[in-house]
Every structure is written in structure tokens, then in C-alpha cells.
């Protein structure tokens, strides 16, 4: 994700890009919650139609009731999927914020620590440290 965020916002501080991604994920979770509420309202409307026509015993009545029950059930599953998606997106947003906070804390600690090491070891420190890809 970091290469994509870096490419999309060249020169932007990674913390700012991450905050924007977090904001978008949180907004997506809210939209999923709104969709779940909308589907739940629709489910209630379908159920109400089934109850309003519950006394009907004419031709096709059983088929109508079966369809209403199936649609009610399907809408209930859709509501749960939307809610689960909202929970997953919120979890991802929170995990992202936590990882960004941890990396920013490490960067905040790493700078002064590197300066102390450079003062102790001397000017040869940057060349003496192995690069992460050198292993």
C-alpha cells in the first residue's frame, strides 16, 4: 500500500496520505452502515406487504407468501453482510492508524538514536550499517 500511496501523492508525507486513506475507509464504513439500514427498512416494508396480504387465500397466495419470505430472508442476509463489511473496514482503518502511529513513533525515536550512534562511532556510520536489502 505504501508504494501506491507514495505514487499517488508524490512528495506527500506518508502520515498525511495514511490519514487520508483512514478517512476514506471510515467514510466507506459509514456508507456500508447506511446501506444496511436502508436494506433493513426495505426488509420491513416487504414484511409489511406480506402481512397486509396475509389473509389472501386466492390463486397464487402461497407462492406470493413464499416469495415474500424468501425476499425477507435474502434482505436480512444482505443487511448482515453490509454490517460485517462495515466492521471489517473499520477494523482495517483502525489497524492502519495503529501501524502508522507505530512507524511514526519508531521514526521519531530512530532519528535521535542514529544521531547519537553517529556521534559515538563517527562519520563512517552510514556506510557501516547494512542496508535492509543486503541480507
N, C-alpha and C. Protein backbone atom coordinates (compact mmCIF):
# COMPACT_ATOMS: atom_id res chain seq x y z
N UNK A 1 0.82 -1.19 0.00
CA UNK A 1 0.00 0.00 0.00
C UNK A 1 0.87 1.25 0.00
N UNK A 2 2.02 1.19 0.64
CA UNK A 2 2.88 2.37 0.70
C UNK A 2 3.35 2.81 -0.68
N UNK A 3 3.75 1.87 -1.59
CA UNK A 3 4.16 2.34 -2.91
C UNK A 3 3.02 3.03 -3.65
N UNK A 4 1.80 2.51 -3.52
CA UNK A 4 0.66 3.12 -4.19
C UNK A 4 0.39 4.50 -3.63
N UNK A 5 0.39 4.61 -2.30
CA UNK A 5 0.14 5.92 -1.69
C UNK A 5 1.25 6.90 -2.07
N UNK A 6 2.50 6.41 -2.11
CA UNK A 6 3.61 7.28 -2.48
C UNK A 6 3.52 7.72 -3.93
N UNK A 7 3.10 6.82 -4.80
CA UNK A 7 3.00 7.17 -6.22
C UNK A 7 1.84 8.12 -6.45
N UNK A 8 0.75 7.93 -5.72
CA UNK A 8 -0.42 8.78 -5.91
C UNK A 8 -0.20 10.18 -5.39
N UNK A 9 0.58 10.28 -4.35
CA UNK A 9 0.78 11.60 -3.74
C UNK A 9 2.27 11.82 -3.56
N UNK A 10 2.99 11.93 -4.66
CA UNK A 10 4.44 12.09 -4.61
C UNK A 10 4.81 13.34 -3.81
N UNK A 11 5.70 13.17 -2.86
CA UNK A 11 6.14 14.28 -2.04
C UNK A 11 5.28 14.50 -0.80
N UNK A 12 4.16 13.80 -0.70
CA UNK A 12 3.30 13.96 0.47
C UNK A 12 3.85 13.10 1.60
N UNK A 13 3.80 13.62 2.80
CA UNK A 13 4.25 12.88 3.99
C UNK A 13 3.39 11.62 4.12
N UNK A 14 4.01 10.47 4.38
CA UNK A 14 3.24 9.22 4.48
C UNK A 14 2.14 9.28 5.53
N UNK A 15 2.36 10.01 6.61
CA UNK A 15 1.34 10.14 7.64
C UNK A 15 0.10 10.85 7.13
N UNK A 16 0.29 11.84 6.27
CA UNK A 16 -0.85 12.57 5.70
C UNK A 16 -1.60 11.66 4.74
N UNK A 17 -0.88 10.95 3.90
CA UNK A 17 -1.53 10.03 2.96
C UNK A 17 -2.29 8.95 3.73
N UNK A 18 -1.70 8.45 4.80
CA UNK A 18 -2.36 7.42 5.61
C UNK A 18 -3.60 7.97 6.29
N UNK A 19 -3.53 9.21 6.74
CA UNK A 19 -4.70 9.83 7.35
C UNK A 19 -5.83 9.96 6.33
N UNK A 20 -5.47 10.28 5.09
CA UNK A 20 -6.49 10.38 4.04
C UNK A 20 -7.11 9.01 3.76
N UNK A 21 -6.29 7.98 3.70
CA UNK A 21 -6.80 6.62 3.49
C UNK A 21 -7.70 6.23 4.65
N UNK A 22 -7.28 6.52 5.87
CA UNK A 22 -8.10 6.22 7.05
C UNK A 22 -9.44 6.93 6.97
N UNK A 23 -9.41 8.20 6.57
CA UNK A 23 -10.65 8.97 6.44
C UNK A 23 -11.58 8.35 5.39
N UNK A 24 -11.01 7.93 4.27
CA UNK A 24 -11.83 7.31 3.22
C UNK A 24 -12.39 5.96 3.67
N UNK A 25 -11.61 5.18 4.39
CA UNK A 25 -12.10 3.90 4.89
C UNK A 25 -13.22 4.10 5.90
N UNK A 26 -13.07 5.10 6.76
CA UNK A 26 -14.11 5.39 7.74
C UNK A 26 -15.40 5.84 7.05
N UNK A 27 -15.27 6.66 6.01
CA UNK A 27 -16.44 7.09 5.25
C UNK A 27 -17.10 5.90 4.55
N UNK A 28 -16.29 4.97 4.03
CA UNK A 28 -16.84 3.77 3.40
C UNK A 28 -17.62 2.94 4.42
N UNK A 29 -17.09 2.81 5.63
CA UNK A 29 -17.79 2.07 6.68
C UNK A 29 -19.12 2.72 7.01
N UNK A 30 -19.15 4.05 7.05
CA UNK A 30 -20.43 4.75 7.30
C UNK A 30 -21.43 4.49 6.18
N UNK A 31 -20.94 4.47 4.93
CA UNK A 31 -21.84 4.19 3.80
C UNK A 31 -22.37 2.76 3.87
N UNK A 32 -21.53 1.82 4.31
CA UNK A 32 -21.99 0.44 4.47
C UNK A 32 -23.06 0.35 5.55
N UNK A 33 -22.87 1.08 6.65
CA UNK A 33 -23.89 1.11 7.70
C UNK A 33 -25.19 1.71 7.18
N UNK A 34 -25.09 2.77 6.39
CA UNK A 34 -26.29 3.41 5.82
C UNK A 34 -26.99 2.44 4.87
N UNK A 35 -26.23 1.70 4.07
CA UNK A 35 -26.83 0.72 3.16
C UNK A 35 -27.53 -0.37 3.95
N UNK A 36 -26.92 -0.81 5.06
CA UNK A 36 -27.54 -1.83 5.90
C UNK A 36 -28.86 -1.32 6.47
N UNK A 37 -28.88 -0.08 6.92
CA UNK A 37 -30.13 0.48 7.45
C UNK A 37 -31.19 0.60 6.37
N UNK A 38 -30.77 1.01 5.17
CA UNK A 38 -31.71 1.13 4.06
C UNK A 38 -32.30 -0.24 3.71
N UNK A 39 -31.44 -1.26 3.64
CA UNK A 39 -31.91 -2.61 3.34
C UNK A 39 -32.81 -3.15 4.44
N UNK A 40 -32.50 -2.81 5.68
CA UNK A 40 -33.34 -3.25 6.80
C UNK A 40 -34.72 -2.61 6.72
N UNK A 41 -34.78 -1.34 6.34
CA UNK A 41 -36.07 -0.66 6.15
C UNK A 41 -36.84 -1.33 5.02
N UNK A 42 -36.15 -1.64 3.94
CA UNK A 42 -36.78 -2.32 2.81
C UNK A 42 -37.30 -3.69 3.23
N UNK A 43 -36.53 -4.37 4.05
CA UNK A 43 -36.95 -5.68 4.57
C UNK A 43 -38.25 -5.54 5.36
N UNK A 44 -38.33 -4.51 6.19
CA UNK A 44 -39.56 -4.27 6.96
C UNK A 44 -40.74 -3.96 6.05
N UNK A 45 -40.49 -3.22 4.98
CA UNK A 45 -41.56 -2.90 4.03
C UNK A 45 -42.06 -4.16 3.33
N UNK A 46 -41.14 -5.02 2.91
CA UNK A 46 -41.52 -6.28 2.27
C UNK A 46 -42.31 -7.15 3.25
N UNK A 47 -41.84 -7.22 4.49
CA UNK A 47 -42.55 -7.98 5.50
C UNK A 47 -43.94 -7.42 5.76
N UNK A 48 -44.05 -6.09 5.76
CA UNK A 48 -45.35 -5.45 5.95
C UNK A 48 -46.31 -5.77 4.81
N UNK A 49 -45.79 -5.81 3.59
CA UNK A 49 -46.64 -6.18 2.45
C UNK A 49 -47.13 -7.61 2.58
N UNK A 50 -46.25 -8.48 3.05
CA UNK A 50 -46.64 -9.87 3.25
C UNK A 50 -47.72 -10.01 4.30
N UNK A 51 -47.61 -9.23 5.38
CA UNK A 51 -48.63 -9.28 6.43
C UNK A 51 -49.94 -8.66 5.97
N UNK A 52 -49.85 -7.58 5.19
CA UNK A 52 -51.06 -6.92 4.71
C UNK A 52 -51.86 -7.84 3.80
N UNK A 53 -51.17 -8.70 3.09
CA UNK A 53 -51.86 -9.62 2.18
C UNK A 53 -51.91 -11.03 2.76
N UNK A 54 -51.66 -11.15 4.05
CA UNK A 54 -51.61 -12.46 4.70
C UNK A 54 -52.94 -13.19 4.69
N UNK A 55 -54.05 -12.46 4.70
CA UNK A 55 -55.37 -13.09 4.71
C UNK A 55 -55.82 -13.54 3.33
N UNK A 56 -55.07 -13.17 2.33
CA UNK A 56 -55.45 -13.52 0.96
C UNK A 56 -55.26 -15.01 0.74
N UNK A 57 -56.30 -15.67 0.25
CA UNK A 57 -56.24 -17.12 0.03
C UNK A 57 -56.53 -17.50 -1.42
N UNK A 58 -56.51 -16.51 -2.28
CA UNK A 58 -56.82 -16.76 -3.70
C UNK A 58 -55.69 -17.47 -4.42
N UNK A 59 -55.85 -17.60 -5.74
CA UNK A 59 -54.82 -18.27 -6.54
C UNK A 59 -53.48 -17.54 -6.44
N UNK A 60 -52.43 -18.28 -6.23
CA UNK A 60 -51.09 -17.71 -6.13
C UNK A 60 -50.73 -17.19 -4.75
N UNK A 61 -51.61 -17.33 -3.77
CA UNK A 61 -51.36 -16.79 -2.43
C UNK A 61 -50.15 -17.46 -1.78
N UNK A 62 -50.08 -18.78 -1.89
CA UNK A 62 -48.95 -19.49 -1.27
C UNK A 62 -47.64 -19.10 -1.93
N UNK A 63 -47.65 -18.99 -3.23
CA UNK A 63 -46.45 -18.59 -3.97
C UNK A 63 -46.03 -17.18 -3.57
N UNK A 64 -47.00 -16.28 -3.42
CA UNK A 64 -46.71 -14.91 -3.01
C UNK A 64 -46.06 -14.88 -1.64
N UNK A 65 -46.66 -15.61 -0.68
CA UNK A 65 -46.10 -15.64 0.68
C UNK A 65 -44.69 -16.23 0.69
N UNK A 66 -44.48 -17.28 -0.10
CA UNK A 66 -43.15 -17.90 -0.17
C UNK A 66 -42.13 -16.91 -0.73
N UNK A 67 -42.53 -16.16 -1.76
CA UNK A 67 -41.62 -15.16 -2.33
C UNK A 67 -41.31 -14.05 -1.33
N UNK A 68 -42.34 -13.60 -0.61
CA UNK A 68 -42.13 -12.56 0.40
C UNK A 68 -41.16 -13.04 1.46
N UNK A 69 -41.36 -14.26 1.94
CA UNK A 69 -40.47 -14.81 2.97
C UNK A 69 -39.04 -14.95 2.44
N UNK A 70 -38.90 -15.39 1.18
CA UNK A 70 -37.57 -15.53 0.60
C UNK A 70 -36.88 -14.17 0.48
N UNK A 71 -37.63 -13.17 0.01
CA UNK A 71 -37.05 -11.83 -0.12
C UNK A 71 -36.69 -11.25 1.25
N UNK A 72 -37.55 -11.49 2.22
CA UNK A 72 -37.25 -11.02 3.59
C UNK A 72 -35.96 -11.66 4.10
N UNK A 73 -35.84 -12.96 3.89
CA UNK A 73 -34.65 -13.69 4.33
C UNK A 73 -33.41 -13.18 3.60
N UNK A 74 -33.50 -13.04 2.29
CA UNK A 74 -32.36 -12.56 1.49
C UNK A 74 -31.95 -11.15 1.92
N UNK A 75 -32.92 -10.29 2.16
CA UNK A 75 -32.59 -8.93 2.61
C UNK A 75 -31.92 -8.95 3.98
N UNK A 76 -32.37 -9.84 4.86
CA UNK A 76 -31.73 -9.99 6.16
C UNK A 76 -30.27 -10.40 6.03
N UNK A 77 -29.99 -11.33 5.10
CA UNK A 77 -28.60 -11.72 4.86
C UNK A 77 -27.79 -10.56 4.30
N UNK A 78 -28.40 -9.79 3.41
CA UNK A 78 -27.70 -8.62 2.84
C UNK A 78 -27.38 -7.59 3.92
N UNK A 79 -28.32 -7.40 4.84
CA UNK A 79 -28.09 -6.46 5.95
C UNK A 79 -26.89 -6.92 6.76
N UNK A 80 -26.84 -8.20 7.08
CA UNK A 80 -25.72 -8.73 7.86
C UNK A 80 -24.40 -8.61 7.11
N UNK A 81 -24.42 -8.85 5.79
CA UNK A 81 -23.19 -8.71 5.00
C UNK A 81 -22.70 -7.26 5.02
N UNK A 82 -23.63 -6.31 4.89
CA UNK A 82 -23.24 -4.89 4.92
C UNK A 82 -22.66 -4.52 6.28
N UNK A 83 -23.27 -5.01 7.34
CA UNK A 83 -22.77 -4.71 8.69
C UNK A 83 -21.41 -5.34 8.92
N UNK A 84 -21.23 -6.56 8.43
CA UNK A 84 -19.93 -7.23 8.57
C UNK A 84 -18.86 -6.49 7.77
N UNK A 85 -19.22 -6.05 6.58
CA UNK A 85 -18.28 -5.27 5.77
C UNK A 85 -17.89 -3.98 6.49
N UNK A 86 -18.87 -3.30 7.08
CA UNK A 86 -18.59 -2.07 7.82
C UNK A 86 -17.63 -2.34 8.98
N UNK A 87 -17.87 -3.45 9.70
CA UNK A 87 -16.97 -3.81 10.81
C UNK A 87 -15.56 -4.10 10.29
N UNK A 88 -15.46 -4.82 9.19
CA UNK A 88 -14.15 -5.16 8.62
C UNK A 88 -13.40 -3.91 8.15
N UNK A 89 -14.12 -3.00 7.52
CA UNK A 89 -13.49 -1.77 7.03
C UNK A 89 -13.03 -0.92 8.21
N UNK A 90 -13.85 -0.83 9.26
CA UNK A 90 -13.44 -0.08 10.46
C UNK A 90 -12.20 -0.72 11.09
N UNK A 91 -12.18 -2.05 11.14
CA UNK A 91 -11.03 -2.74 11.70
C UNK A 91 -9.79 -2.40 10.87
N UNK A 92 -9.91 -2.44 9.55
CA UNK A 92 -8.77 -2.12 8.68
C UNK A 92 -8.31 -0.68 8.89
N UNK A 93 -9.25 0.24 9.03
CA UNK A 93 -8.90 1.65 9.26
C UNK A 93 -8.17 1.81 10.59
N UNK A 94 -8.67 1.13 11.62
CA UNK A 94 -8.02 1.22 12.93
C UNK A 94 -6.63 0.57 12.91
N UNK A 95 -6.52 -0.57 12.22
CA UNK A 95 -5.21 -1.24 12.12
C UNK A 95 -4.22 -0.35 11.37
N UNK A 96 -4.69 0.30 10.32
CA UNK A 96 -3.82 1.20 9.57
C UNK A 96 -3.35 2.35 10.46
N UNK A 97 -4.27 2.94 11.19
CA UNK A 97 -3.90 4.06 12.08
C UNK A 97 -2.89 3.61 13.13
N UNK A 98 -3.09 2.40 13.66
CA UNK A 98 -2.16 1.87 14.67
C UNK A 98 -0.77 1.64 14.08
N UNK A 99 -0.72 1.06 12.87
CA UNK A 99 0.58 0.80 12.22
C UNK A 99 1.29 2.10 11.88
N UNK A 100 0.53 3.08 11.42
CA UNK A 100 1.14 4.37 11.09
C UNK A 100 1.68 5.02 12.35
N UNK A 101 0.90 4.97 13.43
CA UNK A 101 1.36 5.53 14.69
C UNK A 101 2.63 4.86 15.17
N UNK A 102 2.69 3.54 15.04
CA UNK A 102 3.88 2.80 15.47
C UNK A 102 5.09 3.15 14.61
N UNK A 103 4.88 3.26 13.30
CA UNK A 103 6.03 3.58 12.43
C UNK A 103 6.49 5.02 12.64
N UNK A 104 5.55 5.94 12.90
CA UNK A 104 5.95 7.32 13.17
C UNK A 104 6.69 7.41 14.49
N UNK A 105 6.27 6.62 15.48
CA UNK A 105 6.97 6.60 16.76
C UNK A 105 8.38 6.04 16.57
N UNK A 106 8.50 4.98 15.78
CA UNK A 106 9.83 4.41 15.52
C UNK A 106 10.71 5.42 14.79
N UNK A 107 10.14 6.14 13.85
CA UNK A 107 10.91 7.15 13.11
C UNK A 107 11.33 8.28 14.04
N UNK A 108 10.42 8.67 14.95
CA UNK A 108 10.75 9.73 15.90
C UNK A 108 11.88 9.30 16.83
N UNK A 109 11.88 8.03 17.21
CA UNK A 109 12.95 7.52 18.08
C UNK A 109 14.22 7.25 17.30
N UNK A 110 14.08 6.81 16.06
CA UNK A 110 15.23 6.41 15.25
C UNK A 110 16.15 7.55 14.89
N UNK A 111 15.61 8.72 14.61
CA UNK A 111 16.43 9.86 14.22
C UNK A 111 17.42 10.26 15.30
N UNK A 112 16.96 10.53 16.53
CA UNK A 112 17.90 10.89 17.59
C UNK A 112 18.87 9.76 17.94
N UNK A 113 18.39 8.52 17.87
CA UNK A 113 19.27 7.39 18.16
C UNK A 113 20.38 7.29 17.12
N UNK A 114 20.05 7.48 15.87
CA UNK A 114 21.05 7.46 14.81
C UNK A 114 22.06 8.60 15.00
N UNK A 115 21.58 9.76 15.44
CA UNK A 115 22.49 10.89 15.68
C UNK A 115 23.47 10.56 16.80
N UNK A 116 22.99 9.92 17.86
CA UNK A 116 23.87 9.53 18.97
C UNK A 116 24.88 8.50 18.49
N UNK A 117 24.42 7.50 17.72
CA UNK A 117 25.35 6.50 17.20
C UNK A 117 26.39 7.13 16.28
N UNK A 118 25.97 8.08 15.46
CA UNK A 118 26.92 8.75 14.57
C UNK A 118 27.95 9.53 15.37
N UNK A 119 27.51 10.13 16.48
CA UNK A 119 28.44 10.89 17.32
C UNK A 119 29.44 9.96 17.99
N UNK A 120 28.98 8.77 18.39
CA UNK A 120 29.86 7.82 19.08
C UNK A 120 30.78 7.11 18.10
N UNK A 121 30.23 6.60 17.01
CA UNK A 121 31.00 5.81 16.05
C UNK A 121 31.82 6.71 15.13
N UNK A 122 31.25 7.82 14.77
CA UNK A 122 31.97 8.73 13.88
C UNK A 122 31.28 8.85 12.54
N UNK A 123 31.97 9.52 11.63
CA UNK A 123 31.34 9.79 10.34
C UNK A 123 31.16 8.56 9.45
N UNK A 124 31.77 7.44 9.76
CA UNK A 124 31.65 6.24 8.93
C UNK A 124 30.38 5.44 9.17
N UNK A 125 29.52 5.88 10.04
CA UNK A 125 28.32 5.12 10.41
C UNK A 125 27.40 4.81 9.25
N UNK A 126 27.02 5.77 8.42
CA UNK A 126 26.06 5.42 7.36
C UNK A 126 26.57 4.32 6.44
N UNK A 127 27.85 4.27 6.13
CA UNK A 127 28.39 3.21 5.29
C UNK A 127 28.55 1.89 6.03
N UNK A 128 28.69 1.96 7.35
CA UNK A 128 28.91 0.75 8.14
C UNK A 128 27.62 -0.02 8.37
N UNK A 129 26.49 0.67 8.34
CA UNK A 129 25.22 -0.01 8.58
C UNK A 129 24.79 -0.75 7.32
N UNK A 130 24.38 -2.04 7.47
CA UNK A 130 23.92 -2.78 6.29
C UNK A 130 22.55 -2.25 5.86
N UNK A 131 22.34 -2.23 4.57
CA UNK A 131 21.03 -1.81 4.07
C UNK A 131 20.05 -2.95 4.25
N UNK A 132 18.74 -2.67 4.36
CA UNK A 132 17.75 -3.73 4.57
C UNK A 132 17.77 -4.77 3.45
N UNK A 133 18.10 -4.41 2.23
CA UNK A 133 18.09 -5.36 1.13
C UNK A 133 19.39 -6.14 0.98
N UNK A 134 20.39 -5.88 1.84
CA UNK A 134 21.71 -6.50 1.71
C UNK A 134 21.77 -7.90 2.30
N UNK A 135 20.75 -8.34 2.96
CA UNK A 135 20.78 -9.65 3.63
C UNK A 135 20.74 -10.77 2.66
